[in-house]
Amino acid sequence: MKDPLNDPPIEPLEPLDEINLRLAVAAADIAELRAEVARLDRDLDESRRLNLRAAELLDLVYEHLAVKAKPAVVTGAAGQGPAGYPAAPLGATP
C-alpha cells in the first residue's frame, strides 16, 4: 500500500481543469446511477410479472376450491342442520 506521506505534493489545479475533473467524476456517478436504475427497473418488471402469475394461480386455487366446496345442503356447526337449525334425530321423517 502506498504511503500518502511519500507522495509528491499535489499541485493546485487550474480552475478549468478542476471543473473538468469534477464534471468527469459527476459523469461517472451519473453512469453508475443510470445502471442502478436500469437494474431496479428490470427487477420491478420481474416482480410485476411474478405478482401477476401469483394472482393467476390464486384464482385457479379459488376456482378449484369453489367447485369442491359446493355441498348439496349447507350445514352449520356440528349437531346442527341446514342454516343453523337443530339437526333432526336419526330415523325421523319430516
Protein backbone atom coordinates (compact mmCIF):
# COMPACT_ATOMS: atom_id res chain seq x y z
CA MET A 1 0.00 0.00 0.00
CA LYS A 2 1.22 3.44 -0.81
CA ASP A 3 2.05 5.84 1.94
CA PRO A 4 0.45 9.20 1.18
CA LEU A 5 3.24 10.96 3.07
CA ASN A 6 5.75 9.83 0.43
CA ASP A 7 3.67 11.13 -2.47
CA PRO A 8 4.81 14.33 -4.10
CA PRO A 9 2.77 17.36 -3.11
CA ILE A 10 -0.37 17.87 -5.17
CA GLU A 11 -0.23 20.98 -7.21
CA PRO A 12 -3.39 23.02 -7.31
CA LEU A 13 -5.36 22.59 -10.49
CA GLU A 14 -6.28 25.35 -12.83
CA PRO A 15 -9.92 26.36 -12.36
CA LEU A 16 -10.88 24.96 -15.76
CA ASP A 17 -9.07 21.67 -15.07
CA GLU A 18 -10.78 21.40 -11.69
CA ILE A 19 -14.17 21.95 -13.31
CA ASN A 20 -13.41 19.32 -15.95
CA LEU A 21 -12.32 16.86 -13.27
CA ARG A 22 -15.49 17.47 -11.27
CA LEU A 23 -17.57 17.02 -14.42
CA ALA A 24 -15.83 13.72 -15.16
CA VAL A 25 -16.49 12.49 -11.62
CA ALA A 26 -20.13 13.60 -11.88
CA ALA A 27 -20.49 11.86 -15.25
CA ALA A 28 -19.13 8.63 -13.77
CA ASP A 29 -21.55 8.93 -10.84
CA ILE A 30 -24.45 9.53 -13.23
CA ALA A 31 -23.48 6.48 -15.29
CA GLU A 32 -23.46 4.34 -12.12
CA LEU A 33 -26.85 5.70 -11.09
CA ARG A 34 -28.31 5.03 -14.53
CA ALA A 35 -27.06 1.45 -14.41
CA GLU A 36 -28.60 1.01 -10.95
CA VAL A 37 -31.93 2.49 -12.12
CA ALA A 38 -31.92 0.14 -15.11
CA ARG A 39 -31.30 -2.84 -12.79
CA LEU A 40 -34.07 -1.74 -10.42
CA ASP A 41 -36.42 -1.27 -13.39
CA ARG A 42 -35.73 -4.84 -14.56
CA ASP A 43 -36.29 -6.11 -11.02
CA LEU A 44 -39.57 -4.21 -10.82
CA ASP A 45 -40.73 -5.70 -14.13
CA GLU A 46 -39.85 -9.18 -12.85
CA SER A 47 -41.71 -8.51 -9.60
CA ARG A 48 -44.79 -7.39 -11.50
CA ARG A 49 -44.62 -10.49 -13.68
CA LEU A 50 -44.35 -12.75 -10.63
CA ASN A 51 -47.22 -10.95 -8.88
CA LEU A 52 -49.46 -11.41 -11.91
CA ARG A 53 -48.55 -15.10 -12.08
CA ALA A 54 -49.26 -15.48 -8.35
CA ALA A 55 -52.66 -13.81 -8.82
CA GLU A 56 -53.47 -16.19 -11.70
CA LEU A 57 -52.52 -19.20 -9.59
CA LEU A 58 -54.56 -17.90 -6.66
CA ASP A 59 -57.58 -17.52 -8.95
CA LEU A 60 -57.14 -21.14 -10.06
CA VAL A 61 -56.95 -22.30 -6.44
CA TYR A 62 -60.11 -20.37 -5.53
CA GLU A 63 -61.95 -21.79 -8.55
CA HIS A 64 -60.82 -25.31 -7.62
CA LEU A 65 -61.93 -24.83 -4.01
CA ALA A 66 -65.26 -23.36 -5.08
CA VAL A 67 -66.02 -26.40 -7.25
CA LYS A 68 -65.08 -28.84 -4.48
CA ALA A 69 -66.95 -26.92 -1.77
CA LYS A 70 -70.42 -26.91 -3.39
CA PRO A 71 -72.37 -29.14 -0.98
CA ALA A 72 -75.92 -30.30 -1.69
CA VAL A 73 -77.11 -28.80 1.61
CA VAL A 74 -75.32 -26.07 3.51
CA THR A 75 -74.88 -27.22 7.09
CA GLY A 76 -73.96 -25.26 10.17
CA ALA A 77 -71.79 -26.34 13.10
CA ALA A 78 -71.64 -29.93 14.33
CA GLY A 79 -75.01 -31.14 15.62
CA GLN A 80 -76.90 -28.59 13.61
CA GLY A 81 -78.86 -28.95 10.41
CA PRO A 82 -79.07 -26.56 7.48
CA ALA A 83 -78.57 -22.89 8.24
CA GLY A 84 -78.05 -23.48 11.96
CA TYR A 85 -81.35 -25.24 12.66
CA PRO A 86 -81.17 -28.21 15.06
CA ALA A 87 -80.44 -31.49 13.34
CA ALA A 88 -83.33 -33.93 13.05
CA PRO A 89 -82.90 -37.17 15.02
CA LEU A 90 -81.84 -40.19 13.01
CA GLY A 91 -84.75 -42.04 11.51
CA ALA A 92 -87.13 -39.05 11.83
CA THR A 93 -89.11 -38.12 8.77
CA PRO A 94 -90.11 -34.58 8.06
